[in-house]
């Protein structure tokens, strides 16, 4: 999937004009005292920022691209989703300027020049089909313990929904996972005992939307999705046909108030209060090859300042002020 925001306008003259503007005595020194927004509003940036990667960041990046264009109409932001693995691979070989990555960056990727900056927070949630009869038997009130997830996804144990819910159902749990290299699978595997994506059992499905659709069509299905794909953007409720499986984090045999995940607002509160564990809660990253520079630096600097005002609107979790400060230092702002 690909979204293009804006029109391509690239010119050496514009770049020279920008240099001359910055060289005017006092103009930049005065603006240093102002906000990030006022520092960039008067500059006529132009060019293209190419972005690819994690489905988890895709909706947020589309919004950022649209809003950035309103201030800088001569900048084009090309955005395509294809998984975190594709995003970081594309960035490291120069196919894109920025890779969207929804997992921790490996030491090997750092050695190859990956330069990550955290921009927002998200989480992965276990899902099931809303029509599953065990929901009427009170499954949402008891939730699932971590070990049950490990038995299904890591050990490949054959279990029935009745065994999970203490009900009479003899329908076997059908587990789904991601077939593409992605941060959601890697983060879910990390939660299940520090494992990796390749350790996850289940029927492989491509992409966040594909995994959600597979569970929606299978009454016995169980999967996992990022926040923006587990919950409906407009209603704030689980995606039509899905139910979010609450995790019994303290393993007391019931879902306490801080563990309820029936709406996106409840999920975000659980993440912010650390009632929902990390992982599967996690930071999301933008990654370049080596350090940020040029238009890419301007765009990501805007994402970390003005762009943060749109985070909650789209349903993500804003960085803390200290996290923003650290990220801006890494960008060179």
Protein backbone atom coordinates (compact mmCIF):
# COMPACT_ATOMS: atom_id res chain seq x y z
CA UNK A 1 0.00 0.00 0.00
CA UNK A 2 1.32 3.44 -0.95
CA UNK A 3 0.18 6.98 -0.23
CA UNK A 4 1.61 10.10 -1.83
CA UNK A 5 1.13 13.42 -0.08
CA UNK A 6 1.84 16.59 -2.03
CA UNK A 7 3.64 17.25 -5.31
CA UNK A 8 7.35 16.83 -6.16
CA UNK A 9 9.21 20.12 -6.49
CA UNK A 10 12.97 19.71 -6.47
CA UNK A 11 15.45 22.43 -7.36
CA UNK A 12 19.05 23.45 -6.70
CA UNK A 13 18.00 27.09 -6.79
CA UNK A 14 15.67 26.56 -3.85
CA UNK A 15 18.44 24.94 -1.85
CA UNK A 16 20.78 27.88 -2.59
CA UNK A 17 17.99 30.25 -1.59
CA UNK A 18 17.65 28.46 1.71
CA UNK A 19 21.39 28.77 2.33
CA UNK A 20 21.26 32.52 1.59
CA UNK A 21 18.29 32.90 3.95
CA UNK A 22 20.13 31.21 6.77
CA UNK A 23 23.16 33.41 6.14
CA UNK A 24 21.28 36.69 6.72
CA UNK A 25 22.72 38.20 9.93
CA UNK A 26 20.44 37.77 12.92
CA UNK A 27 17.65 35.94 11.09
CA UNK A 28 18.50 32.46 12.39
CA UNK A 29 19.81 33.65 15.75
CA UNK A 30 16.49 35.34 16.48
CA UNK A 31 14.47 32.29 15.50
CA UNK A 32 16.48 30.02 17.81
CA UNK A 33 14.53 31.58 20.67
CA UNK A 34 11.20 30.63 19.14
CA UNK A 35 9.39 27.29 18.93
CA UNK A 36 10.21 24.57 16.41
CA UNK A 37 7.07 25.54 14.52
CA UNK A 38 8.06 29.17 14.04
CA UNK A 39 11.62 28.18 13.11
CA UNK A 40 10.42 26.25 10.06
CA UNK A 41 7.21 28.05 9.08
CA UNK A 42 8.96 30.85 7.21
CA UNK A 43 11.23 28.57 5.20
CA UNK A 44 10.12 27.31 1.81
CA UNK A 45 11.34 23.74 1.88
CA UNK A 46 10.90 21.60 -1.20
CA UNK A 47 11.74 18.09 -2.26
CA UNK A 48 10.68 14.51 -1.52
CA UNK A 49 10.87 12.39 1.63
CA UNK A 50 10.58 8.66 0.88
CA UNK A 51 9.25 6.45 3.68
CA UNK A 52 8.49 2.73 3.94
CA UNK A 53 8.04 0.10 6.63
CA UNK A 54 5.94 -0.87 9.62
CA UNK A 55 2.18 -1.17 9.37
CA UNK A 56 2.09 -0.01 12.99
CA UNK A 57 3.33 3.47 12.03
CA UNK A 58 1.59 3.76 8.66
CA UNK A 59 -1.63 5.57 9.75
CA UNK A 60 0.35 7.99 11.91
CA UNK A 61 2.86 8.70 9.14
CA UNK A 62 0.07 9.42 6.63
CA UNK A 63 -1.36 12.02 9.02
CA UNK A 64 2.06 13.56 9.62
CA UNK A 65 2.67 13.77 5.88
CA UNK A 66 -0.66 15.48 5.28
CA UNK A 67 -0.16 18.03 8.06
CA UNK A 68 3.46 18.77 7.14
CA UNK A 69 2.36 19.55 3.60
CA UNK A 70 -0.06 22.21 4.87
CA UNK A 71 2.90 24.20 6.18
CA UNK A 72 5.31 23.15 3.42
CA UNK A 73 3.21 22.59 0.26
CA UNK A 74 6.27 22.04 -1.94
CA UNK A 75 7.34 18.95 0.00
CA UNK A 76 6.16 15.53 -1.14
CA UNK A 77 6.06 12.61 1.32
CA UNK A 78 5.90 9.15 -0.32
CA UNK A 79 4.72 6.54 2.20
CA UNK A 80 4.37 2.78 1.72
CA UNK A 81 3.68 0.03 4.26
CA UNK A 82 5.24 -3.41 4.07
CA UNK A 83 6.46 -4.35 7.55
CA UNK A 84 9.29 -3.22 9.81
CA UNK A 85 11.75 -5.59 8.14
CA UNK A 86 11.17 -3.96 4.77
CA UNK A 87 11.39 -0.48 6.25
CA UNK A 88 14.79 -0.90 7.84
CA UNK A 89 16.13 -2.86 4.85
CA UNK A 90 14.99 -0.14 2.44
CA UNK A 91 16.57 2.58 4.59
CA UNK A 92 19.90 0.77 4.91
CA UNK A 93 20.29 0.27 1.14
CA UNK A 94 19.06 3.76 0.26
CA UNK A 95 15.74 2.88 -1.36
CA UNK A 96 14.01 5.27 1.06
CA UNK A 97 15.08 8.15 3.27
CA UNK A 98 13.24 6.84 6.35
CA UNK A 99 12.28 3.35 7.50
CA UNK A 100 9.34 2.91 9.87
CA UNK A 101 10.26 0.28 12.48
CA UNK A 102 8.00 -1.12 15.20
CA UNK A 103 10.55 -3.09 17.23
CA UNK A 104 13.93 -2.59 18.86
CA UNK A 105 16.82 -2.12 16.47
CA UNK A 106 19.34 -4.97 16.54
CA UNK A 107 23.07 -4.52 17.17
CA UNK A 108 23.76 -5.87 13.68
CA UNK A 109 21.51 -3.22 12.14
CA UNK A 110 23.28 -0.53 14.18
CA UNK A 111 26.63 -1.79 12.83
CA UNK A 112 25.26 -1.44 9.30
CA UNK A 113 24.48 2.23 9.94
CA UNK A 114 20.89 2.17 11.24
CA UNK A 115 20.18 5.37 13.16
CA UNK A 116 16.86 5.11 15.05
CA UNK A 117 14.80 7.86 16.65
CA UNK A 118 11.69 7.08 18.71
CA UNK A 119 8.63 9.09 17.63
CA UNK A 120 5.56 7.56 19.30
CA UNK A 121 4.40 4.70 21.51
CA UNK A 122 2.14 1.78 20.57
CA UNK A 123 1.34 -1.79 21.68
CA UNK A 124 0.43 -5.21 20.32
CA UNK A 125 -2.80 -6.84 21.52
CA UNK A 126 -4.03 -10.45 21.34
CA UNK A 127 -7.30 -10.80 19.42
CA UNK A 128 -10.10 -13.29 18.92
CA UNK A 129 -13.32 -13.56 16.93
CA UNK A 130 -16.16 -11.61 18.52
CA UNK A 131 -18.68 -14.37 17.68
CA UNK A 132 -16.76 -16.97 19.70
CA UNK A 133 -19.29 -18.48 22.15
CA UNK A 134 -16.81 -18.49 25.08
CA UNK A 135 -17.25 -14.73 25.33
CA UNK A 136 -20.78 -15.33 26.60
CA UNK A 137 -19.31 -17.70 29.18
CA UNK A 138 -17.37 -14.84 30.80
CA UNK A 139 -14.03 -15.25 29.04
CA UNK A 140 -13.45 -11.47 28.97
CA UNK A 141 -13.81 -11.32 32.74
CA UNK A 142 -11.10 -13.93 33.34
CA UNK A 143 -8.77 -13.17 30.43
CA UNK A 144 -5.64 -15.18 29.66
CA UNK A 145 -2.40 -15.68 31.53
CA UNK A 146 0.93 -15.26 29.80
CA UNK A 147 1.70 -18.99 30.01
CA UNK A 148 -1.38 -19.85 27.94
CA UNK A 149 -0.12 -17.59 25.13
CA UNK A 150 3.31 -19.24 25.38
CA UNK A 151 1.73 -22.71 25.17
CA UNK A 152 -0.12 -21.75 21.98
CA UNK A 153 2.39 -19.62 20.06
CA UNK A 154 5.75 -20.96 21.27
CA UNK A 155 5.13 -24.58 22.26
CA UNK A 156 2.48 -25.18 19.63
CA UNK A 157 0.21 -26.92 22.14
CA UNK A 158 -3.20 -28.09 20.95
CA UNK A 159 -5.81 -26.44 23.16
CA UNK A 160 -9.57 -25.95 23.02
CA UNK A 161 -11.40 -22.74 23.77
CA UNK A 162 -13.19 -24.63 26.51
CA UNK A 163 -9.85 -25.30 28.24
CA UNK A 164 -8.94 -21.62 28.06
CA UNK A 165 -12.31 -20.35 29.22
CA UNK A 166 -13.33 -23.07 31.64
CA UNK A 167 -16.29 -23.74 29.37
CA UNK A 168 -17.72 -26.67 27.44
CA UNK A 169 -16.47 -25.64 23.99
CA UNK A 170 -14.42 -28.35 22.25
CA UNK A 171 -13.43 -26.09 19.34
CA UNK A 172 -9.65 -26.03 18.97
CA UNK A 173 -7.89 -22.69 19.10
CA UNK A 174 -6.56 -21.80 15.66
CA UNK A 175 -3.52 -19.56 16.03
CA UNK A 176 -2.50 -16.99 13.41
CA UNK A 177 0.76 -15.09 13.08
CA UNK A 178 2.46 -12.77 10.60
CA UNK A 179 4.18 -14.15 7.52
CA UNK A 180 6.08 -10.90 6.79
CA UNK A 181 9.05 -9.68 8.82
CA UNK A 182 7.47 -7.20 11.19
CA UNK A 183 7.74 -5.46 14.53
CA UNK A 184 4.37 -6.68 15.80
CA UNK A 185 5.44 -10.34 15.58
CA UNK A 186 8.88 -9.61 17.00
CA UNK A 187 7.39 -7.66 19.91
CA UNK A 188 4.79 -10.36 20.62
CA UNK A 189 7.53 -13.00 20.58
CA UNK A 190 9.63 -10.92 22.96
CA UNK A 191 6.72 -10.81 25.38
CA UNK A 192 6.40 -14.59 25.17
CA UNK A 193 9.74 -15.29 26.84
CA UNK A 194 12.22 -13.20 24.90
CA UNK A 195 11.70 -15.15 21.68
CA UNK A 196 12.01 -14.02 18.05
CA UNK A 197 9.43 -13.88 15.27
CA UNK A 198 10.63 -17.16 13.75
CA UNK A 199 9.78 -18.91 17.04
CA UNK A 200 6.08 -18.13 16.70
CA UNK A 201 3.81 -21.00 15.62
CA UNK A 202 0.60 -20.53 13.69
CA UNK A 203 -0.87 -19.88 10.27
CA UNK A 204 1.12 -17.14 8.57
CA UNK A 205 -0.76 -14.13 7.21
CA UNK A 206 0.69 -11.04 5.51
CA UNK A 207 0.28 -7.63 7.10
CA UNK A 208 -1.59 -6.15 10.04
CA UNK A 209 -4.88 -5.80 8.10
CA UNK A 210 -4.55 -9.35 6.78
CA UNK A 211 -4.08 -10.83 10.24
CA UNK A 212 -7.08 -8.95 11.60
CA UNK A 213 -9.19 -10.15 8.68
CA UNK A 214 -8.12 -13.78 9.17
CA UNK A 215 -9.32 -13.76 12.78
CA UNK A 216 -12.52 -11.93 11.87
CA UNK A 217 -13.37 -14.75 9.44
CA UNK A 218 -12.49 -17.62 11.81
CA UNK A 219 -14.70 -18.11 14.85
CA UNK A 220 -11.96 -20.24 16.45
CA UNK A 221 -9.13 -17.89 15.49
CA UNK A 222 -6.66 -16.08 17.73
CA UNK A 223 -4.16 -13.49 16.53
CA UNK A 224 -2.47 -10.23 17.49
CA UNK A 225 -2.57 -6.71 16.09
CA UNK A 226 -1.07 -3.29 16.63
CA UNK A 227 -3.21 -0.70 18.42
CA UNK A 228 -4.31 1.02 15.21
CA UNK A 229 -5.48 -2.24 13.64
CA UNK A 230 -7.00 -3.86 16.73
CA UNK A 231 -9.30 -0.90 17.37
CA UNK A 232 -11.56 1.02 15.00
CA UNK A 233 -10.29 4.56 14.36
CA UNK A 234 -13.73 6.20 14.44
CA UNK A 235 -15.49 4.37 17.27
CA UNK A 236 -12.53 3.59 19.50
CA UNK A 237 -13.95 0.09 19.95
CA UNK A 238 -12.36 -3.18 18.76
CA UNK A 239 -12.48 -3.59 15.00
CA UNK A 240 -15.81 -4.98 13.83
CA UNK A 241 -15.73 -8.76 14.26
CA UNK A 242 -12.80 -8.71 16.70
CA UNK A 243 -12.56 -8.85 20.48
CA UNK A 244 -9.39 -7.94 22.37
CA UNK A 245 -8.23 -10.66 24.74
CA UNK A 246 -7.40 -9.07 28.11
CA UNK A 247 -4.19 -10.27 29.72
CA UNK A 248 -4.39 -11.32 33.36
CA UNK A 249 -1.10 -9.58 34.12
CA UNK A 250 -1.12 -10.16 37.89
CA UNK A 251 -2.49 -13.69 37.37
CA UNK A 252 -5.17 -13.44 40.04
CA UNK A 253 -7.71 -15.26 37.87
CA UNK A 254 -9.74 -12.19 36.95
CA UNK A 255 -9.42 -9.03 34.91
CA UNK A 256 -8.99 -6.03 37.20
CA UNK A 257 -10.04 -2.50 36.24
CA UNK A 258 -6.58 -1.56 34.97
CA UNK A 259 -6.46 -4.62 32.71
CA UNK A 260 -9.72 -3.97 30.82
CA UNK A 261 -9.18 -3.44 27.08
CA UNK A 262 -12.73 -3.01 25.72
CA UNK A 263 -11.93 0.37 24.13
CA UNK A 264 -8.92 2.17 22.72
CA UNK A 265 -9.08 4.70 25.57
CA UNK A 266 -8.89 1.89 28.13
CA UNK A 267 -5.98 0.33 26.24
CA UNK A 268 -4.06 3.61 26.19
CA UNK A 269 -4.67 4.17 29.90
CA UNK A 270 -3.43 0.66 30.63
CA UNK A 271 -0.25 1.31 28.63
CA UNK A 272 0.40 4.70 30.23
CA UNK A 273 -0.10 3.30 33.73
CA UNK A 274 2.11 0.27 32.99
CA UNK A 275 -0.86 -2.02 33.73
CA UNK A 276 -0.26 -3.34 30.23
CA UNK A 277 3.25 -4.82 30.07
CA UNK A 278 6.11 -3.65 27.90
CA UNK A 279 6.56 -5.62 25.70
CA UNK A 280 4.04 -5.95 24.10
CA UNK A 281 3.78 -2.18 24.61
CA UNK A 282 6.72 -0.58 22.78
CA UNK A 283 8.23 2.52 21.19
CA UNK A 284 8.00 3.00 17.43
CA UNK A 285 10.98 4.31 15.49
CA UNK A 286 11.99 6.18 12.37
CA UNK A 287 15.32 4.95 11.05
CA UNK A 288 17.79 6.47 8.59
CA UNK A 289 21.15 5.35 7.24
CA UNK A 290 23.67 7.19 9.40
CA UNK A 291 22.48 10.52 10.89
CA UNK A 292 19.63 12.79 9.84
CA UNK A 293 20.30 15.59 7.38
CA UNK A 294 18.60 17.91 4.90
CA UNK A 295 14.86 17.69 4.37
CA UNK A 296 14.66 14.39 6.29
CA UNK A 297 16.06 16.15 9.37
CA UNK A 298 13.54 18.98 8.99
CA UNK A 299 10.60 16.58 8.63
CA UNK A 300 11.49 14.37 11.60
CA UNK A 301 12.21 17.44 13.73
CA UNK A 302 8.68 18.60 12.92
CA UNK A 303 7.28 15.13 13.76
CA UNK A 304 8.84 15.34 17.23
CA UNK A 305 7.49 18.83 17.93
CA UNK A 306 4.43 20.04 16.01
CA UNK A 307 3.66 16.51 14.86
CA UNK A 308 3.09 15.27 18.40
CA UNK A 309 -0.17 17.23 18.60
CA UNK A 310 -1.78 14.74 16.18
CA UNK A 311 -0.68 11.57 17.98
CA UNK A 312 -3.66 11.13 20.30
CA UNK A 313 -6.08 12.16 17.54
CA UNK A 314 -4.97 9.17 15.46
CA UNK A 315 -5.00 6.91 18.52
CA UNK A 316 -1.33 6.52 19.43
CA UNK A 317 0.49 7.48 22.62
CA UNK A 318 2.66 10.60 22.79
CA UNK A 319 6.26 10.48 23.90
CA UNK A 320 7.08 11.97 27.28
CA UNK A 321 8.83 15.34 27.33
CA UNK A 322 12.13 13.67 28.24
CA UNK A 323 11.73 11.18 25.40
CA UNK A 324 11.06 14.03 22.96
CA UNK A 325 14.15 15.91 24.18
CA UNK A 326 16.34 12.85 23.75
CA UNK A 327 14.93 12.16 20.29
CA UNK A 328 15.50 15.77 19.18
CA UNK A 329 19.12 15.54 20.29
CA UNK A 330 19.54 12.45 18.15
CA UNK A 331 18.02 14.24 15.17
CA UNK A 332 20.38 17.16 15.76
CA UNK A 333 17.76 19.73 16.79
